[in-house]
Amino acid sequence: MKRGLAGTLAVLMLGGCATVRTLDGTKPGAPVVYAGTRLDWYAISGGCCPQARFGVDAPRFASLDLPVSFLLDTLLLPLTLPAAAGIYYHGSGGF
């Protein structure tokens, strides 16, 4: 029973997770490193226009999402730091 509840909560959090939302955001100039954490903090601090700044809307429960986004943003640092520095990897498979 507890596992089912935890799994359901995890799926619901991923659907509204600020980090996942900002990965899909295509706003030029939007923050990349710790973007989900920044979006949550912006919403908690009463920021007026997350869509204009981040290219996505803030999660409804930003204070609950903050620890999850912080963890996921930390795990994604090997990808976001080079992207913020302008280094992109365009790999392709095959010969």
Protein backbone atom coordinates (compact mmCIF):
# COMPACT_ATOMS: atom_id res chain seq x y z
CA MET A 1 0.00 0.00 0.00
CA LYS A 2 2.78 2.46 0.94
CA ARG A 3 4.75 1.63 -2.21
CA GLY A 4 1.72 2.27 -4.38
CA LEU A 5 1.13 5.64 -2.75
CA ALA A 6 4.80 6.59 -3.07
CA GLY A 7 4.83 5.55 -6.73
CA THR A 8 1.69 7.54 -7.46
CA LEU A 9 3.12 10.62 -5.77
CA ALA A 10 6.36 10.24 -7.72
CA VAL A 11 4.52 10.11 -11.04
CA LEU A 12 2.42 13.13 -10.10
CA MET A 13 5.53 15.07 -9.08
CA LEU A 14 7.30 14.29 -12.35
CA GLY A 15 4.35 15.61 -14.31
CA GLY A 16 4.62 18.94 -12.52
CA CYS A 17 8.34 18.93 -11.76
CA ALA A 18 9.93 22.28 -12.57
CA THR A 19 13.12 20.63 -13.82
CA VAL A 20 11.23 18.48 -16.31
CA ARG A 21 9.24 21.51 -17.44
CA THR A 22 12.33 23.65 -17.99
CA LEU A 23 14.02 20.90 -20.01
CA ASP A 24 11.20 21.28 -22.54
CA GLY A 25 11.24 25.08 -22.35
CA THR A 26 12.69 26.66 -25.45
CA LYS A 27 12.96 30.26 -24.31
CA PRO A 28 16.26 31.78 -25.47
CA GLY A 29 18.29 33.15 -22.59
CA ALA A 30 16.40 31.16 -19.96
CA PRO A 31 18.54 29.71 -17.15
CA VAL A 32 19.83 26.20 -17.82
CA VAL A 33 21.87 25.30 -14.72
CA TYR A 34 19.54 24.53 -11.80
CA ALA A 35 16.66 25.86 -13.91
CA GLY A 36 13.96 23.88 -12.10
CA THR A 37 15.24 24.92 -8.69
CA ARG A 38 15.41 28.53 -9.84
CA LEU A 39 11.86 28.35 -11.19
CA ASP A 40 10.57 26.94 -7.90
CA TRP A 41 12.40 29.57 -5.88
CA TYR A 42 11.10 32.30 -8.19
CA ALA A 43 7.52 31.08 -7.67
CA ILE A 44 7.94 30.75 -3.89
CA SER A 45 9.39 34.26 -3.72
CA GLY A 46 6.36 35.67 -5.50
CA GLY A 47 7.82 36.17 -8.97
CA CYS A 48 5.22 37.64 -11.26
CA CYS A 49 6.03 36.23 -14.68
CA PRO A 50 7.65 32.77 -14.78
CA GLN A 51 6.51 32.28 -18.38
CA ALA A 52 8.41 35.37 -19.50
CA ARG A 53 11.57 34.51 -17.58
CA PHE A 54 11.76 30.71 -17.87
CA GLY A 55 9.51 29.94 -20.84
CA VAL A 56 7.25 27.70 -18.73
CA ASP A 57 4.73 28.06 -15.93
CA ALA A 58 5.77 27.30 -12.37
CA PRO A 59 4.43 24.16 -10.69
CA ARG A 60 1.33 24.60 -8.59
CA PHE A 61 3.07 23.43 -5.40
CA ALA A 62 6.54 24.89 -5.86
CA SER A 63 7.54 24.46 -2.21
CA LEU A 64 6.87 20.71 -2.41
CA ASP A 65 8.63 20.46 -5.76
CA LEU A 66 11.76 22.32 -4.66
CA PRO A 67 13.64 19.36 -3.06
CA VAL A 68 12.82 17.06 -5.99
CA SER A 69 13.91 19.67 -8.54
CA PHE A 70 17.10 20.37 -6.59
CA LEU A 71 18.00 16.67 -6.64
CA LEU A 72 17.20 16.26 -10.33
CA ASP A 73 19.00 19.49 -11.27
CA THR A 74 22.07 18.23 -9.38
CA LEU A 75 21.97 14.91 -11.25
CA LEU A 76 21.70 16.77 -14.56
CA LEU A 77 24.71 19.03 -13.94
CA PRO A 78 26.98 17.04 -16.31
CA LEU A 79 24.56 17.96 -19.10
CA THR A 80 23.53 21.48 -18.11
CA LEU A 81 26.97 22.92 -17.35
CA PRO A 82 28.34 22.28 -20.87
CA ALA A 83 25.07 23.51 -22.38
CA ALA A 84 25.35 26.75 -20.39
CA ALA A 85 28.93 27.12 -21.64
CA GLY A 86 27.77 26.68 -25.24
CA ILE A 87 29.20 23.21 -25.70
CA TYR A 88 26.72 20.90 -27.40
CA TYR A 89 27.19 17.27 -28.33
CA HIS A 90 25.48 16.13 -31.50
CA GLY A 91 26.09 12.43 -31.61
CA SER A 92 24.91 9.99 -34.23
CA GLY A 93 24.97 6.24 -34.42
CA GLY A 94 26.13 3.87 -37.10
CA PHE A 95 29.04 4.07 -39.48
